[in-house]
């Protein structure tokens, strides 16, 4: 009887200490592919890629996880203007803060995500230039990212974060007929 009681107390103690020390900061790097759409701009983008960094604060027994993300898009595309075509390059830097809602906790944990993004939409470089214009200026806008993903964890070692997100890069702050710029991302992050 004493052995069962003592074993039970040890198991309870281990569970309590494990749950109290499981709160922690995870961070990592990754990247993925991006499809960009840009309304009213006359530009069309090829599927590009992005590199990213992510940090998340795991809070035990709480379904919301605070998240900070940074993404850097590298884009190539084409333009057409008055029967004249050429190629474009553009880079976008995006930093976001948001939350992930864990649907099912565990080693394979699907989640829903929402982020508020602060975006620097870099200058567009034209080759060949349009009317002596080699580039159009960079702009800064605020956007919203929504998506879903799954965390696949190997306990105490590494977490693979696979996600799909729709990023509205210039949802707020548009000026004078500026079209919407949005991205659909499929990313893989490795978190430590």
Protein backbone atom coordinates (compact mmCIF):
# COMPACT_ATOMS: atom_id res chain seq x y z
CA UNK A 1 0.00 0.00 0.00
CA UNK A 2 2.81 2.40 0.89
CA UNK A 3 4.57 1.71 -2.45
CA UNK A 4 1.41 2.51 -4.42
CA UNK A 5 0.82 5.66 -2.38
CA UNK A 6 4.47 6.74 -2.70
CA UNK A 7 4.44 6.01 -6.47
CA UNK A 8 1.24 8.01 -6.86
CA UNK A 9 2.77 11.00 -5.04
CA UNK A 10 5.89 10.88 -7.23
CA UNK A 11 3.78 10.81 -10.40
CA UNK A 12 1.68 13.78 -9.18
CA UNK A 13 4.85 15.70 -8.25
CA UNK A 14 6.40 15.01 -11.67
CA UNK A 15 3.23 16.13 -13.46
CA UNK A 16 3.04 19.37 -11.48
CA UNK A 17 6.68 20.26 -11.98
CA UNK A 18 6.53 19.38 -15.66
CA UNK A 19 3.47 21.55 -16.25
CA UNK A 20 4.91 24.49 -14.33
CA UNK A 21 8.22 24.42 -16.19
CA UNK A 22 6.80 23.79 -19.65
CA UNK A 23 6.10 27.46 -20.20
CA UNK A 24 8.78 28.70 -22.48
CA UNK A 25 9.86 30.70 -25.44
CA UNK A 26 10.26 28.92 -28.75
CA UNK A 27 11.97 30.58 -31.67
CA UNK A 28 13.13 29.49 -35.06
CA UNK A 29 13.63 30.12 -38.73
CA UNK A 30 12.13 28.88 -41.94
CA UNK A 31 10.53 29.98 -45.13
CA UNK A 32 8.24 28.99 -47.90
CA UNK A 33 6.55 29.89 -51.14
CA UNK A 34 4.37 32.94 -51.72
CA UNK A 35 1.83 33.91 -54.32
CA UNK A 36 1.38 37.68 -54.53
CA UNK A 37 -1.56 39.55 -56.01
CA UNK A 38 -1.51 43.28 -56.58
CA UNK A 39 -4.71 44.99 -57.72
CA UNK A 40 -4.74 48.11 -59.94
CA UNK A 41 -0.97 48.15 -60.35
CA UNK A 42 -0.43 46.67 -63.82
CA UNK A 43 2.12 44.29 -62.27
CA UNK A 44 1.87 40.53 -62.21
CA UNK A 45 4.10 38.49 -59.94
CA UNK A 46 5.44 35.00 -60.33
CA UNK A 47 5.25 32.77 -57.28
CA UNK A 48 8.08 33.94 -55.08
CA UNK A 49 9.57 32.80 -51.86
CA UNK A 50 10.04 34.16 -48.37
CA UNK A 51 12.41 33.64 -45.50
CA UNK A 52 11.05 34.03 -42.01
CA UNK A 53 11.72 34.01 -38.28
CA UNK A 54 9.17 33.29 -35.58
CA UNK A 55 8.98 33.40 -31.78
CA UNK A 56 6.13 32.08 -29.66
CA UNK A 57 5.50 32.00 -25.93
CA UNK A 58 3.98 28.70 -24.84
CA UNK A 59 1.73 29.11 -21.83
CA UNK A 60 0.57 25.81 -20.28
CA UNK A 61 -3.15 25.13 -20.10
CA UNK A 62 -3.96 28.29 -22.09
CA UNK A 63 -5.16 27.89 -25.70
CA UNK A 64 -3.81 31.24 -27.00
CA UNK A 65 -0.12 31.52 -27.84
CA UNK A 66 1.39 35.00 -28.37
CA UNK A 67 3.48 35.09 -31.57
CA UNK A 68 5.96 37.46 -33.24
CA UNK A 69 6.89 36.90 -36.89
CA UNK A 70 9.25 38.48 -39.39
CA UNK A 71 9.08 37.72 -43.12
CA UNK A 72 11.13 38.87 -46.07
CA UNK A 73 9.63 38.35 -49.51
CA UNK A 74 11.76 38.21 -52.65
CA UNK A 75 9.56 38.73 -55.71
CA UNK A 76 10.01 38.71 -59.47
CA UNK A 77 7.34 39.52 -61.99
CA UNK A 78 6.40 41.37 -65.14
CA UNK A 79 4.61 44.53 -66.18
CA UNK A 80 2.84 45.85 -69.23
CA UNK A 81 2.37 49.51 -70.01
CA UNK A 82 1.10 50.92 -73.33
CA UNK A 83 2.17 47.89 -75.42
CA UNK A 84 5.48 47.76 -73.58
CA UNK A 85 6.46 44.83 -71.33
CA UNK A 86 9.34 44.09 -69.03
CA UNK A 87 10.37 42.46 -65.78
CA UNK A 88 10.15 43.67 -62.20
CA UNK A 89 11.80 42.87 -58.89
CA UNK A 90 10.50 43.81 -55.46
CA UNK A 91 11.24 42.99 -51.85
CA UNK A 92 8.77 43.23 -48.97
CA UNK A 93 9.68 43.22 -45.27
CA UNK A 94 6.88 42.28 -42.89
CA UNK A 95 6.85 42.18 -39.08
CA UNK A 96 3.80 40.95 -37.21
CA UNK A 97 2.46 40.38 -33.75
CA UNK A 98 -0.47 38.09 -33.10
CA UNK A 99 -1.84 34.94 -31.57
CA UNK A 100 -2.39 31.29 -32.39
CA UNK A 101 -5.38 29.41 -31.02
CA UNK A 102 -4.61 25.74 -30.41
CA UNK A 103 -7.55 23.60 -31.51
CA UNK A 104 -6.23 20.29 -30.16
CA UNK A 105 -3.24 20.33 -27.78
CA UNK A 106 -0.64 17.62 -28.05
CA UNK A 107 2.42 16.61 -30.06
CA UNK A 108 0.45 17.20 -33.29
CA UNK A 109 -1.46 20.40 -32.62
CA UNK A 110 -3.51 22.22 -35.29
CA UNK A 111 -4.10 25.94 -34.75
CA UNK A 112 -5.79 29.04 -36.14
CA UNK A 113 -3.73 32.23 -36.40
CA UNK A 114 -4.25 35.97 -36.71
CA UNK A 115 -1.52 38.64 -36.88
CA UNK A 116 -1.37 42.39 -37.21
CA UNK A 117 1.41 43.10 -39.71
CA UNK A 118 3.58 46.16 -40.25
CA UNK A 119 4.85 46.02 -43.82
CA UNK A 120 7.53 47.85 -45.77
CA UNK A 121 6.59 47.25 -49.38
CA UNK A 122 9.90 47.89 -51.12
CA UNK A 123 10.50 49.79 -54.30
CA UNK A 124 9.62 48.14 -57.57
CA UNK A 125 12.55 48.02 -59.99
CA UNK A 126 11.67 47.91 -63.69
CA UNK A 127 13.81 46.35 -66.42
CA UNK A 128 13.76 48.04 -68.92
CA UNK A 129 12.66 51.27 -67.33
CA UNK A 130 9.29 52.91 -68.00
CA UNK A 131 9.52 56.53 -69.19
CA UNK A 132 12.93 57.01 -67.54
CA UNK A 133 11.61 55.54 -64.29
CA UNK A 134 13.88 52.79 -62.95
CA UNK A 135 11.86 52.20 -59.79
CA UNK A 136 8.78 53.25 -57.87
CA UNK A 137 9.23 54.27 -54.21
CA UNK A 138 8.82 52.05 -51.17
CA UNK A 139 5.73 52.43 -48.98
CA UNK A 140 4.83 51.38 -45.44
CA UNK A 141 1.41 49.93 -44.68
CA UNK A 142 -0.41 48.00 -41.96
CA UNK A 143 -2.06 44.69 -42.74
CA UNK A 144 -3.79 41.67 -41.31
CA UNK A 145 -2.76 38.01 -41.63
CA UNK A 146 -5.14 35.10 -41.10
CA UNK A 147 -4.37 31.43 -41.43
CA UNK A 148 -4.07 27.97 -40.01
CA UNK A 149 -1.28 25.54 -39.31
CA UNK A 150 -0.09 22.57 -37.38
CA UNK A 151 2.75 22.17 -34.87
CA UNK A 152 4.45 18.78 -34.94
CA UNK A 153 6.56 18.47 -31.80
CA UNK A 154 9.32 16.13 -30.81
CA UNK A 155 9.22 16.78 -27.04
CA UNK A 156 12.21 18.60 -25.53
CA UNK A 157 13.90 18.78 -28.93
CA UNK A 158 12.30 20.52 -31.90
CA UNK A 159 8.95 21.63 -33.32
CA UNK A 160 8.01 21.74 -36.99
CA UNK A 161 5.47 24.49 -37.68
CA UNK A 162 3.66 24.10 -41.03
CA UNK A 163 1.26 26.93 -41.88
CA UNK A 164 -0.80 28.52 -44.62
CA UNK A 165 -1.64 32.22 -44.27
CA UNK A 166 -3.39 34.89 -46.28
CA UNK A 167 -1.61 38.22 -45.72
CA UNK A 168 -3.40 41.46 -46.59
CA UNK A 169 -0.26 43.61 -46.74
CA UNK A 170 -1.86 47.04 -47.18
CA UNK A 171 -5.26 46.71 -45.55
CA UNK A 172 -4.92 50.07 -43.77
CA UNK A 173 -3.20 53.23 -44.99
CA UNK A 174 -3.88 53.03 -48.72
CA UNK A 175 -3.56 56.27 -50.62
CA UNK A 176 -5.16 57.62 -53.81
CA UNK A 177 -6.40 54.61 -55.77
CA UNK A 178 -3.77 52.23 -54.43
CA UNK A 179 -4.79 48.64 -55.10
CA UNK A 180 -4.79 45.87 -52.54
CA UNK A 181 -1.58 43.87 -52.17
CA UNK A 182 -1.98 40.42 -50.66
CA UNK A 183 0.05 37.24 -50.33
CA UNK A 184 -0.82 33.60 -49.85
CA UNK A 185 2.02 31.85 -48.01
CA UNK A 186 2.81 28.21 -47.39
CA UNK A 187 5.61 28.03 -44.81
CA UNK A 188 7.68 25.54 -42.84
CA UNK A 189 9.36 26.77 -39.66
CA UNK A 190 11.75 24.88 -37.39
CA UNK A 191 11.36 26.03 -33.79
CA UNK A 192 13.73 25.34 -30.90
